[in-house]
Amino acid sequence: MEWCRLYNQSAEPSMQDISDYIHNELWQKLNLFLQSEYKIKPQLSYSRCKAQPGWNVKYRKSGKSLCTLYPMDGYFIALVVIGEKENHELELTLSLYSEYVQTLYKNTPFSCGGRWLMIDVTEPSALDDVLSLIQIRAKPKISRKSE
């Protein structure tokens, strides 16, 4: 059953419900990374957007959106917006990304303040690309150990 039909606006899912629906270890890896490296918690949000309706998971740091995650059956979509500030850095390193993300980037027009990359995270290379893009948006905290 489609995600948006499974949980309507009045039936907020838990993070476990989302994890069970996606049923993909890449989901756990991304969430663990974001929570541990950026010290942030996921925020559930309901969208009426026709392109991707239903409940999604947002990660924000210091008022800045790092990514929005959309549950799909067996995978998830990661929306990462590459703004003007990040665009130059990404273009310098674009050849290091998978062909999929390179093509997606080149075919996504710059609008509304950035390139809105909707990345299907179905395999480890896509997750690696999402992690790199997020780190361009905001550098993770460096933890210092006491000596």
Protein backbone atom coordinates (compact mmCIF):
# COMPACT_ATOMS: atom_id res chain seq x y z
CA MET A 1 0.00 0.00 0.00
CA GLU A 2 1.18 3.53 -0.79
CA TRP A 3 2.74 5.41 2.12
CA CYS A 4 0.36 8.39 1.85
CA ARG A 5 -2.65 6.04 2.04
CA LEU A 6 -1.25 4.05 4.94
CA TYR A 7 -0.86 7.10 7.20
CA ASN A 8 -3.17 10.02 6.53
CA GLN A 9 -2.77 13.47 8.05
CA SER A 10 -4.54 12.48 11.28
CA ALA A 11 -2.54 9.25 11.72
CA GLU A 12 1.07 10.26 12.43
CA PRO A 13 3.46 7.32 12.09
CA SER A 14 6.27 6.60 14.54
CA MET A 15 9.88 6.42 13.43
CA GLN A 16 9.58 2.64 13.87
CA ASP A 17 6.53 2.58 11.54
CA ILE A 18 8.59 4.45 8.93
CA SER A 19 11.55 2.13 9.36
CA ASP A 20 9.31 -0.94 9.07
CA TYR A 21 7.70 0.40 5.89
CA ILE A 22 11.02 1.26 4.21
CA HIS A 23 12.65 -1.97 5.42
CA ASN A 24 16.10 -1.01 4.15
CA GLU A 25 19.31 -0.81 6.18
CA LEU A 26 20.33 2.36 4.32
CA TRP A 27 17.52 4.16 6.16
CA GLN A 28 18.97 3.27 9.55
CA LYS A 29 22.49 4.24 8.44
CA LEU A 30 21.44 7.71 7.29
CA ASN A 31 19.36 8.44 10.39
CA LEU A 32 22.11 7.24 12.72
CA PHE A 33 24.67 9.40 10.90
CA LEU A 34 22.52 12.54 11.06
CA GLN A 35 21.64 12.08 14.72
CA SER A 36 25.15 11.23 15.87
CA GLU A 37 27.24 13.58 13.69
CA TYR A 38 24.96 16.62 13.78
CA LYS A 39 23.36 16.02 17.19
CA ILE A 40 19.88 16.61 15.76
CA LYS A 41 16.60 14.77 16.00
CA PRO A 42 14.23 13.95 13.14
CA GLN A 43 11.05 15.98 12.78
CA LEU A 44 7.96 14.43 11.24
CA SER A 45 6.04 16.65 8.86
CA TYR A 46 2.94 16.13 6.73
CA SER A 47 2.98 17.39 3.16
CA ARG A 48 0.06 17.91 0.81
CA CYS A 49 2.44 18.37 -2.12
CA LYS A 50 1.12 16.43 -5.12
CA ALA A 51 4.63 15.32 -6.09
CA GLN A 52 5.33 13.57 -2.77
CA PRO A 53 2.33 13.67 -0.42
CA GLY A 54 2.18 12.25 3.08
CA TRP A 55 4.42 12.08 6.12
CA ASN A 56 8.12 12.78 5.70
CA VAL A 57 11.13 13.21 7.97
CA LYS A 58 13.03 16.49 8.11
CA TYR A 59 16.47 17.17 9.51
CA ARG A 60 17.35 20.78 10.28
CA LYS A 61 20.47 22.27 11.86
CA SER A 62 20.59 25.88 13.07
CA GLY A 63 17.49 26.74 11.05
CA LYS A 64 18.97 25.24 7.88
CA SER A 65 17.38 22.27 6.17
CA LEU A 66 19.88 19.44 5.71
CA CYS A 67 17.48 17.05 4.02
CA THR A 68 13.91 15.81 3.83
CA LEU A 69 13.33 12.07 3.63
CA TYR A 70 10.32 10.50 1.95
CA PRO A 71 9.40 6.88 2.77
CA MET A 72 8.88 4.55 -0.18
CA ASP A 73 8.23 0.81 -0.30
CA GLY A 74 11.71 -0.72 0.11
CA TYR A 75 13.69 2.52 -0.21
CA PHE A 76 13.44 6.25 0.45
CA ILE A 77 13.90 9.52 -1.37
CA ALA A 78 16.28 12.10 0.04
CA LEU A 79 15.67 15.71 -0.93
CA VAL A 80 18.83 17.78 -0.62
CA VAL A 81 18.72 21.38 -1.82
CA ILE A 82 22.00 22.67 -3.17
CA GLY A 83 21.93 26.44 -2.87
CA GLU A 84 24.16 29.06 -4.42
CA LYS A 85 26.67 28.82 -1.56
CA GLU A 86 27.08 25.05 -2.00
CA ASN A 87 26.87 24.98 -5.80
CA HIS A 88 30.51 25.93 -6.43
CA GLU A 89 31.87 23.31 -4.02
CA LEU A 90 29.66 20.62 -5.52
CA GLU A 91 30.65 21.46 -9.08
CA LEU A 92 34.33 21.11 -8.12
CA THR A 93 33.70 17.59 -6.77
CA LEU A 94 30.84 16.44 -9.03
CA SER A 95 33.00 13.85 -10.80
CA LEU A 96 33.38 12.00 -7.46
CA TYR A 97 29.63 11.29 -7.31
CA SER A 98 27.81 8.38 -8.91
CA GLU A 99 26.66 8.71 -12.52
CA TYR A 100 23.09 8.76 -11.19
CA VAL A 101 23.64 11.84 -9.02
CA GLN A 102 25.80 13.56 -11.65
CA THR A 103 23.00 13.16 -14.20
CA LEU A 104 20.34 14.19 -11.70
CA TYR A 105 22.33 17.32 -10.83
CA LYS A 106 22.88 18.28 -14.47
CA ASN A 107 19.19 17.73 -15.30
CA THR A 108 17.82 19.63 -12.29
CA PRO A 109 17.38 23.32 -13.02
CA PHE A 110 18.37 25.96 -10.48
CA SER A 111 15.12 27.43 -9.09
CA CYS A 112 13.70 28.72 -5.80
CA GLY A 113 17.19 29.34 -4.44
CA GLY A 114 18.83 26.07 -5.41
CA ARG A 115 18.82 22.72 -7.14
CA TRP A 116 16.25 20.49 -5.47
CA LEU A 117 17.80 17.04 -5.81
CA MET A 118 15.31 14.22 -5.17
CA ILE A 119 17.60 11.21 -4.81
CA ASP A 120 16.23 7.66 -4.77
CA VAL A 121 18.30 5.92 -2.10
CA THR A 122 18.16 2.32 -3.28
CA GLU A 123 21.82 1.34 -3.00
CA PRO A 124 24.91 2.22 -0.95
CA SER A 125 26.40 4.53 -3.59
CA ALA A 126 23.29 6.74 -3.49
CA LEU A 127 23.52 6.88 0.31
CA ASP A 128 27.22 7.85 0.06
CA ASP A 129 26.26 10.66 -2.32
CA VAL A 130 23.51 11.90 0.01
CA LEU A 131 25.92 11.91 2.95
CA SER A 132 28.45 13.92 0.94
CA LEU A 133 25.82 16.42 -0.20
CA ILE A 134 24.58 16.91 3.36
CA GLN A 135 28.16 17.55 4.50
CA ILE A 136 28.47 20.23 1.83
CA ARG A 137 25.28 21.86 3.18
CA ALA A 138 26.61 21.85 6.76
CA LYS A 139 29.82 20.49 8.22
CA PRO A 140 29.24 17.96 11.04
CA LYS A 141 30.31 18.77 14.59
CA ILE A 142 33.82 17.65 15.46
CA SER A 143 33.78 15.90 18.78
CA ARG A 144 36.78 16.54 20.99
CA LYS A 145 37.92 13.88 23.41
CA SER A 146 39.35 14.81 26.77
CA GLU A 147 42.95 13.89 27.20
